PDB file of N, CA and C in Angstrom:
ATOM      1  N   MET A   1      -2.865   0.335  -6.927  1.00  0.00           N
ATOM      2  CA  MET A   1      -1.654   0.403  -7.782  1.00  0.00           C
ATOM      3  C   MET A   1      -1.032  -0.932  -7.742  1.00  0.00           C
ATOM      4  N   ARG A   2      -0.343  -1.191  -8.970  1.00  0.00           N
ATOM      5  CA  ARG A   2       0.717  -2.454  -8.935  1.00  0.00           C
ATOM      6  C   ARG A   2       1.635  -1.648  -9.761  1.00  0.00           C
ATOM      7  N   VAL A   3       3.002  -1.825  -9.864  1.00  0.00           N
ATOM      8  CA  VAL A   3       3.717  -1.662 -10.788  1.00  0.00           C
ATOM      9  C   VAL A   3       5.086  -2.747 -11.245  1.00  0.00           C
ATOM     10  N   TRP A   4       5.868  -2.540 -12.858  1.00  0.00           N
ATOM     11  CA  TRP A   4       6.774  -3.639 -13.008  1.00  0.00           C
ATOM     12  C   TRP A   4       7.558  -2.576 -13.965  1.00  0.00           C
ATOM     13  N   ILE A   5       8.190  -3.063 -14.390  1.00  0.00           N
ATOM     14  CA  ILE A   5       9.308  -2.339 -14.642  1.00  0.00           C
ATOM     15  C   ILE A   5      10.086  -3.572 -16.069  1.00  0.00           C
ATOM     16  N   ASP A   6      10.265  -3.013 -17.271  1.00  0.00           N
ATOM     17  CA  ASP A   6      10.631  -3.811 -18.357  1.00  0.00           C
ATOM     18  C   ASP A   6      12.708  -3.972 -18.407  1.00  0.00           C
ATOM     19  N   GLN A   7      12.997  -4.733 -17.846  1.00  0.00           N
ATOM     20  CA  GLN A   7      14.300  -4.767 -17.595  1.00  0.00           C
ATOM     21  C   GLN A   7      15.001  -4.519 -19.024  1.00  0.00           C
ATOM     22  N   ASP A   8      14.679  -4.927 -20.185  1.00  0.00           N
ATOM     23  CA  ASP A   8      14.618  -4.948 -21.813  1.00  0.00           C
ATOM     24  C   ASP A   8      14.577  -3.426 -21.996  1.00  0.00           C
ATOM     25  N   LEU A   9      14.039  -2.532 -21.384  1.00  0.00           N
ATOM     26  CA  LEU A   9      14.155  -1.097 -21.458  1.00  0.00           C
ATOM     27  C   LEU A   9      14.876  -0.157 -20.411  1.00  0.00           C
ATOM     28  N   CYS A  10      14.699  -0.716 -19.503  1.00  0.00           N
ATOM     29  CA  CYS A  10      15.445   0.226 -18.612  1.00  0.00           C
ATOM     30  C   CYS A  10      17.180   0.261 -18.549  1.00  0.00           C
ATOM     31  N   THR A  11      17.566   1.921 -19.122  1.00  0.00           N
ATOM     32  CA  THR A  11      18.460   2.392 -19.139  1.00  0.00           C
ATOM     33  C   THR A  11      19.589   2.532 -17.929  1.00  0.00           C
ATOM     34  N   GLY A  12      19.270   2.442 -16.573  1.00  0.00           N
ATOM     35  CA  GLY A  12      19.551   2.362 -15.397  1.00  0.00           C
ATOM     36  C   GLY A  12      20.554   3.436 -14.820  1.00  0.00           C
ATOM     37  N   ASP A  13      19.663   4.575 -15.096  1.00  0.00           N
ATOM     38  CA  ASP A  13      19.759   5.968 -15.291  1.00  0.00           C
ATOM     39  C   ASP A  13      19.564   6.425 -13.607  1.00  0.00           C
ATOM     40  N   GLY A  14      18.579   5.846 -12.604  1.00  0.00           N
ATOM     41  CA  GLY A  14      18.109   5.501 -11.495  1.00  0.00           C
ATOM     42  C   GLY A  14      17.078   6.564 -11.242  1.00  0.00           C
ATOM     43  N   LEU A  15      16.790   7.027 -11.806  1.00  0.00           N
ATOM     44  CA  LEU A  15      15.774   8.309 -11.888  1.00  0.00           C
ATOM     45  C   LEU A  15      14.403   8.104 -10.643  1.00  0.00           C
ATOM     46  N   CYS A  16      14.415   6.314 -11.259  1.00  0.00           N
ATOM     47  CA  CYS A  16      12.665   6.196 -10.544  1.00  0.00           C
ATOM     48  C   CYS A  16      13.301   5.875  -9.188  1.00  0.00           C
ATOM     49  N   LEU A  17      14.789   5.547  -8.387  1.00  0.00           N
ATOM     50  CA  LEU A  17      15.167   5.534  -7.229  1.00  0.00           C
ATOM     51  C   LEU A  17      15.247   7.071  -6.518  1.00  0.00           C
ATOM     52  N   ASP A  18      15.200   8.036  -7.367  1.00  0.00           N
ATOM     53  CA  ASP A  18      15.272   9.626  -6.804  1.00  0.00           C
ATOM     54  C   ASP A  18      13.783   9.592  -6.548  1.00  0.00           C
ATOM     55  N   HIS A  19      12.801   9.181  -7.030  1.00  0.00           N
ATOM     56  CA  HIS A  19      11.634   9.838  -7.064  1.00  0.00           C
ATOM     57  C   HIS A  19      10.658   8.761  -6.005  1.00  0.00           C
ATOM     58  N   CYS A  20      11.285   7.311  -5.907  1.00  0.00           N
ATOM     59  CA  CYS A  20      10.642   6.689  -4.703  1.00  0.00           C
ATOM     60  C   CYS A  20      11.572   5.403  -4.353  1.00  0.00           C
ATOM     61  N   PRO A  21      12.502   5.508  -3.415  1.00  0.00           N
ATOM     62  CA  PRO A  21      13.266   4.507  -3.244  1.00  0.00           C
ATOM     63  C   PRO A  21      12.741   3.395  -2.314  1.00  0.00           C
ATOM     64  N   ASP A  22      11.572   3.561  -1.823  1.00  0.00           N
ATOM     65  CA  ASP A  22      10.700   2.519  -1.123  1.00  0.00           C
ATOM     66  C   ASP A  22      10.303   1.770  -2.144  1.00  0.00           C
ATOM     67  N   VAL A  23      10.130   1.659  -3.775  1.00  0.00           N
ATOM     68  CA  VAL A  23       9.442   0.586  -4.312  1.00  0.00           C
ATOM     69  C   VAL A  23      10.435   0.369  -5.395  1.00  0.00           C
ATOM     70  N   PHE A  24      11.516   1.118  -5.791  1.00  0.00           N
ATOM     71  CA  PHE A  24      12.729   1.074  -6.926  1.00  0.00           C
ATOM     72  C   PHE A  24      13.827   0.985  -6.708  1.00  0.00           C
ATOM     73  N   VAL A  25      14.519  -0.279  -6.806  1.00  0.00           N
ATOM     74  CA  VAL A  25      15.771  -0.798  -6.414  1.00  0.00           C
ATOM     75  C   VAL A  25      16.511  -0.910  -7.576  1.00  0.00           C
ATOM     76  N   GLN A  26      17.876  -0.285  -7.518  1.00  0.00           N
ATOM     77  CA  GLN A  26      18.978  -0.784  -8.237  1.00  0.00           C
ATOM     78  C   GLN A  26      20.292  -1.828  -8.013  1.00  0.00           C
ATOM     79  N   LEU A  27      19.776  -3.046  -8.731  1.00  0.00           N
ATOM     80  CA  LEU A  27      21.296  -4.035  -8.227  1.00  0.00           C
ATOM     81  C   LEU A  27      22.133  -3.947  -9.078  1.00  0.00           C
ATOM     82  N   GLU A  28      22.896  -4.975  -8.739  1.00  0.00           N
ATOM     83  CA  GLU A  28      24.765  -4.973  -8.983  1.00  0.00           C
ATOM     84  C   GLU A  28      24.822  -5.097 -10.336  1.00  0.00           C
ATOM     85  N   ASP A  29      23.557  -5.407 -11.304  1.00  0.00           N
ATOM     86  CA  ASP A  29      23.728  -5.477 -12.956  1.00  0.00           C
ATOM     87  C   ASP A  29      23.366  -3.911 -13.353  1.00  0.00           C
ATOM     88  N   GLY A  30      23.093  -2.830 -12.361  1.00  0.00           N
ATOM     89  CA  GLY A  30      23.002  -1.645 -12.906  1.00  0.00           C
ATOM     90  C   GLY A  30      21.616  -1.433 -13.422  1.00  0.00           C
ATOM     91  N   ILE A  31      20.595  -2.513 -13.109  1.00  0.00           N
ATOM     92  CA  ILE A  31      19.087  -2.251 -14.088  1.00  0.00           C
ATOM     93  C   ILE A  31      18.513  -1.934 -13.216  1.00  0.00           C
ATOM     94  N   ALA A  32      17.176  -1.186 -12.683  1.00  0.00           N
ATOM     95  CA  ALA A  32      15.783  -1.046 -11.977  1.00  0.00           C
ATOM     96  C   ALA A  32      15.060  -1.964 -11.576  1.00  0.00           C
ATOM     97  N   TYR A  33      14.838  -2.543 -10.514  1.00  0.00           N
ATOM     98  CA  TYR A  33      13.895  -3.293  -9.967  1.00  0.00           C
ATOM     99  C   TYR A  33      12.437  -2.560  -9.317  1.00  0.00           C
ATOM    100  N   VAL A  34      11.333  -3.653  -8.907  1.00  0.00           N
ATOM    101  CA  VAL A  34      10.519  -2.812  -8.297  1.00  0.00           C
ATOM    102  C   VAL A  34      10.688  -4.342  -6.775  1.00  0.00           C
ATOM    103  N   ALA A  35      10.100  -3.244  -5.904  1.00  0.00           N
ATOM    104  CA  ALA A  35      10.124  -3.458  -4.487  1.00  0.00           C
ATOM    105  C   ALA A  35       9.465  -3.642  -3.749  1.00  0.00           C
ATOM    106  N   GLU A  36       8.879  -4.892  -2.887  1.00  0.00           N
ATOM    107  CA  GLU A  36       7.734  -4.465  -1.835  1.00  0.00           C
ATOM    108  C   GLU A  36       8.826  -4.625  -0.420  1.00  0.00           C
ATOM    109  N   PRO A  37       8.064  -4.342   0.677  1.00  0.00           N
ATOM    110  CA  PRO A  37       9.057  -4.096   1.880  1.00  0.00           C
ATOM    111  C   PRO A  37       9.405  -5.598   2.095  1.00  0.00           C
ATOM    112  N   ASP A  38      11.218  -5.521   2.235  1.00  0.00           N
ATOM    113  CA  ASP A  38      12.124  -6.338   2.288  1.00  0.00           C
ATOM    114  C   ASP A  38      12.098  -7.621   1.450  1.00  0.00           C
ATOM    115  N   LEU A  39      11.566  -7.293   0.131  1.00  0.00           N
ATOM    116  CA  LEU A  39      11.718  -8.091  -0.693  1.00  0.00           C
ATOM    117  C   LEU A  39      11.620  -7.601  -2.395  1.00  0.00           C
ATOM    118  N   VAL A  40      13.037  -7.914  -2.846  1.00  0.00           N
ATOM    119  CA  VAL A  40      12.968  -7.395  -4.135  1.00  0.00           C
ATOM    120  C   VAL A  40      12.259  -7.963  -5.168  1.00  0.00           C
ATOM    121  N   LEU A  41      11.450  -7.475  -6.687  1.00  0.00           N
ATOM    122  CA  LEU A  41      10.856  -8.534  -7.058  1.00  0.00           C
ATOM    123  C   LEU A  41      12.155  -8.761  -8.593  1.00  0.00           C
ATOM    124  N   ASN A  42      12.701  -9.784  -8.811  1.00  0.00           N
ATOM    125  CA  ASN A  42      13.786  -9.660  -9.448  1.00  0.00           C
ATOM    126  C   ASN A  42      13.532 -10.497 -10.746  1.00  0.00           C
ATOM    127  N   ASP A  43      12.608 -10.971 -11.307  1.00  0.00           N
ATOM    128  CA  ASP A  43      11.933 -12.055 -11.993  1.00  0.00           C
ATOM    129  C   ASP A  43      11.483 -11.292 -13.152  1.00  0.00           C
ATOM    130  N   PRO A  44      12.792 -10.628 -14.144  1.00  0.00           N
ATOM    131  CA  PRO A  44      12.193 -10.307 -15.135  1.00  0.00           C
ATOM    132  C   PRO A  44      11.051 -10.514 -15.711  1.00  0.00           C
ATOM    133  N   GLY A  45      10.281  -9.829 -16.342  1.00  0.00           N
ATOM    134  CA  GLY A  45       9.290 -10.199 -17.375  1.00  0.00           C
ATOM    135  C   GLY A  45       8.680 -11.369 -16.622  1.00  0.00           C
ATOM    136  N   GLY A  46       8.455 -11.831 -15.458  1.00  0.00           N
ATOM    137  CA  GLY A  46       7.876 -13.009 -15.036  1.00  0.00           C
ATOM    138  C   GLY A  46       6.710 -12.075 -14.164  1.00  0.00           C
ATOM    139  N   GLY A  47       5.457 -13.047 -14.025  1.00  0.00           N
ATOM    140  CA  GLY A  47       4.667 -12.636 -12.699  1.00  0.00           C
ATOM    141  C   GLY A  47       4.491 -11.822 -11.624  1.00  0.00           C
ATOM    142  N   GLY A  48       6.245 -12.462 -11.185  1.00  0.00           N
ATOM    143  CA  GLY A  48       6.841 -11.945  -9.740  1.00  0.00           C
ATOM    144  C   GLY A  48       7.149 -10.671  -9.783  1.00  0.00           C
ATOM    145  N   SER A  49       7.479  -9.974 -11.070  1.00  0.00           N
ATOM    146  CA  SER A  49       8.077  -8.671 -10.865  1.00  0.00           C
ATOM    147  C   SER A  49       6.733  -8.020 -11.037  1.00  0.00           C
ATOM    148  N   LEU A  50       5.525  -7.885 -10.155  1.00  0.00           N
ATOM    149  CA  LEU A  50       4.459  -7.051 -10.377  1.00  0.00           C
ATOM    150  C   LEU A  50       4.716  -6.489  -9.111  1.00  0.00           C
ATOM    151  N   ALA A  51       4.940  -5.314  -8.545  1.00  0.00           N
ATOM    152  CA  ALA A  51       4.843  -5.076  -6.865  1.00  0.00           C
ATOM    153  C   ALA A  51       3.448  -3.849  -6.804  1.00  0.00           C
ATOM    154  N   ARG A  52       3.028  -4.236  -5.591  1.00  0.00           N
ATOM    155  CA  ARG A  52       1.903  -3.604  -4.807  1.00  0.00           C
ATOM    156  C   ARG A  52       2.297  -2.097  -4.415  1.00  0.00           C
ATOM    157  N   VAL A  53       1.694  -1.026  -4.614  1.00  0.00           N
ATOM    158  CA  VAL A  53       1.949   0.190  -4.057  1.00  0.00           C
ATOM    159  C   VAL A  53       1.296   0.464  -2.963  1.00  0.00           C
ATOM    160  N   HIS A  54       2.114   1.191  -1.960  1.00  0.00           N
ATOM    161  CA  HIS A  54       1.344   1.626  -0.906  1.00  0.00           C
ATOM    162  C   HIS A  54       0.823   2.843  -1.406  1.00  0.00           C
ATOM    163  N   PRO A  55      -0.381   3.388  -1.155  1.00  0.00           N
ATOM    164  CA  PRO A  55      -1.321   4.620  -1.215  1.00  0.00           C
ATOM    165  C   PRO A  55       0.105   5.708  -1.209  1.00  0.00           C
ATOM    166  N   ARG A  56       0.832   5.803  -0.575  1.00  0.00           N
ATOM    167  CA  ARG A  56       1.255   7.038   0.268  1.00  0.00           C
ATOM    168  C   ARG A  56       2.638   7.025  -0.743  1.00  0.00           C
ATOM    169  N   ASN A  57       2.681   5.813  -1.412  1.00  0.00           N
ATOM    170  CA  ASN A  57       3.986   6.120  -2.878  1.00  0.00           C
ATOM    171  C   ASN A  57       3.193   6.500  -4.356  1.00  0.00           C
ATOM    172  N   GLU A  58       2.305   6.189  -4.217  1.00  0.00           N
ATOM    173  CA  GLU A  58       1.505   6.274  -5.815  1.00  0.00           C
ATOM    174  C   GLU A  58       1.643   7.382  -6.431  1.00  0.00           C
ATOM    175  N   GLN A  59       2.009   8.554  -5.645  1.00  0.00           N
ATOM    176  CA  GLN A  59       2.406   9.682  -6.833  1.00  0.00           C
ATOM    177  C   GLN A  59       3.871   9.767  -7.148  1.00  0.00           C
ATOM    178  N   ALA A  60       4.288   9.318  -6.190  1.00  0.00           N
ATOM    179  CA  ALA A  60       6.414   9.285  -6.580  1.00  0.00           C
ATOM    180  C   ALA A  60       6.430   8.406  -7.920  1.00  0.00           C
ATOM    181  N   VAL A  61       5.486   7.252  -7.861  1.00  0.00           N
ATOM    182  CA  VAL A  61       5.588   6.091  -8.659  1.00  0.00           C
ATOM    183  C   VAL A  61       5.187   6.705  -9.966  1.00  0.00           C
ATOM    184  N   ILE A  62       3.703   7.625  -9.741  1.00  0.00           N
ATOM    185  CA  ILE A  62       3.837   7.940 -11.578  1.00  0.00           C
ATOM    186  C   ILE A  62       4.779   8.974 -11.786  1.00  0.00           C
ATOM    187  N   HIS A  63       5.287  10.149 -11.005  1.00  0.00           N
ATOM    188  CA  HIS A  63       6.285  10.914 -11.154  1.00  0.00           C
ATOM    189  C   HIS A  63       6.970  10.253 -11.873  1.00  0.00           C
ATOM    190  N   ALA A  64       7.775   8.653 -11.345  1.00  0.00           N
ATOM    191  CA  ALA A  64       9.045   8.344 -12.011  1.00  0.00           C
ATOM    192  C   ALA A  64       8.723   7.807 -13.311  1.00  0.00           C
ATOM    193  N   ALA A  65       7.322   7.039 -13.570  1.00  0.00           N
ATOM    194  CA  ALA A  65       6.973   6.391 -14.497  1.00  0.00           C
ATOM    195  C   ALA A  65       7.353   7.901 -15.781  1.00  0.00           C
ATOM    196  N   LEU A  66       6.600   8.664 -15.223  1.00  0.00           N
ATOM    197  CA  LEU A  66       6.697   9.740 -16.273  1.00  0.00           C
ATOM    198  C   LEU A  66       8.213  10.308 -16.849  1.00  0.00           C
ATOM    199  N   ASP A  67       9.130  10.309 -15.811  1.00  0.00           N
ATOM    200  CA  ASP A  67      10.274  10.668 -15.843  1.00  0.00           C
ATOM    201  C   ASP A  67      11.255   9.858 -16.433  1.00  0.00           C
ATOM    202  N   CYS A  68      10.996   8.702 -16.407  1.00  0.00           N
ATOM    203  CA  CYS A  68      11.653   7.537 -16.769  1.00  0.00           C
ATOM    204  C   CYS A  68      12.394   7.845 -18.120  1.00  0.00           C
ATOM    205  N   PRO A  69      13.708   8.262 -18.709  1.00  0.00           N
ATOM    206  CA  PRO A  69      13.840   8.115 -20.186  1.00  0.00           C
ATOM    207  C   PRO A  69      13.992   6.735 -20.606  1.00  0.00           C
ATOM    208  N   GLY A  70      14.141   5.597 -20.255  1.00  0.00           N
ATOM    209  CA  GLY A  70      14.100   4.233 -21.141  1.00  0.00           C
ATOM    210  C   GLY A  70      12.238   3.791 -21.198  1.00  0.00           C
ATOM    211  N   GLU A  71      10.877   5.126 -20.683  1.00  0.00           N
ATOM    212  CA  GLU A  71      10.095   4.385 -20.640  1.00  0.00           C
ATOM    213  C   GLU A  71       9.661   2.890 -20.384  1.00  0.00           C
ATOM    214  N   CYS A  72      10.238   2.648 -19.543  1.00  0.00           N
ATOM    215  CA  CYS A  72      10.259   0.881 -19.029  1.00  0.00           C
ATOM    216  C   CYS A  72       9.466   0.602 -17.600  1.00  0.00           C
ATOM    217  N   ILE A  73       8.425   2.261 -17.044  1.00  0.00           N
ATOM    218  CA  ILE A  73       8.212   1.553 -15.782  1.00  0.00           C
ATOM    219  C   ILE A  73       6.645   1.765 -16.266  1.00  0.00           C
ATOM    220  N   PHE A  74       5.993   0.413 -15.808  1.00  0.00           N
ATOM    221  CA  PHE A  74       4.710   0.347 -16.313  1.00  0.00           C
ATOM    222  C   PHE A  74       3.571   0.168 -14.681  1.00  0.00           C
ATOM    223  N   ILE A  75       2.549   0.792 -15.167  1.00  0.00           N
ATOM    224  CA  ILE A  75       1.770   0.930 -13.973  1.00  0.00           C
ATOM    225  C   ILE A  75       0.346  -0.064 -14.155  1.00  0.00           C
ATOM    226  N   GLU A  76      -0.053  -0.702 -13.260  1.00  0.00           N
ATOM    227  CA  GLU A  76      -1.622  -1.028 -13.586  1.00  0.00           C
ATOM    228  C   GLU A  76      -2.264  -0.567 -12.137  1.00  0.00           C
ATOM    229  N   VAL A  77      -3.584  -0.367 -12.441  1.00  0.00           N
ATOM    230  CA  VAL A  77      -4.424   0.235 -11.521  1.00  0.00           C
ATOM    231  C   VAL A  77      -5.625  -0.602 -11.127  1.00  0.00           C
ATOM    232  N   VAL A  78      -5.409  -0.747  -9.798  1.00  0.00           N
ATOM    233  CA  VAL A  78      -6.547  -2.192  -9.142  1.00  0.00           C
ATOM    234  C   VAL A  78      -7.408  -1.074  -9.041  1.00  0.00           C
ATOM    235  N   GLN A  79      -8.829  -1.695  -9.561  1.00  0.00           N
ATOM    236  CA  GLN A  79      -9.822  -0.956  -9.220  1.00  0.00           C
ATOM    237  C   GLN A  79     -10.875  -2.129  -8.106  1.00  0.00           C
ATOM    238  N   VAL A  80     -10.995  -1.332  -7.174  1.00  0.00           N
ATOM    239  CA  VAL A  80     -11.950  -2.202  -5.922  1.00  0.00           C
ATOM    240  C   VAL A  80     -13.118  -2.112  -6.508  1.00  0.00           C
ATOM    241  N   ARG A  81     -14.226  -2.703  -6.427  1.00  0.00           N
ATOM    242  CA  ARG A  81     -15.538  -2.679  -6.709  1.00  0.00           C
ATOM    243  C   ARG A  81     -16.279  -2.423  -5.372  1.00  0.00           C
ATOM    244  N   ALA A  82     -17.506  -2.066  -5.531  1.00  0.00           N
ATOM    245  CA  ALA A  82     -18.249  -1.338  -4.433  1.00  0.00           C
ATOM    246  C   ALA A  82     -19.173  -2.467  -4.241  1.00  0.00           C
ATOM    247  N   ALA A  83     -18.987  -2.574  -2.797  1.00  0.00           N
ATOM    248  CA  ALA A  83     -20.053  -3.923  -2.160  1.00  0.00           C
ATOM    249  C   ALA A  83     -21.430  -3.610  -2.242  1.00  0.00           C
TER     250      ALA A  83
END
């Protein structure tokens, strides 16, 4: 699973951080961004703003997306092909 945030839609409520602080961060601008370990992906709208989600955080990320008042969290499911 991968996740990104449309910063133009973000309301800055920070609910995503409550659900999953391992994946979501809020910067000085008051807007939420996604993060991977030790790296904030703060390239709004760019290819560098898509974070991989560790399987242990997938359910929390889904809940964050569902509860987001700005509806700005987007999830992409990565499908693995069987060999």
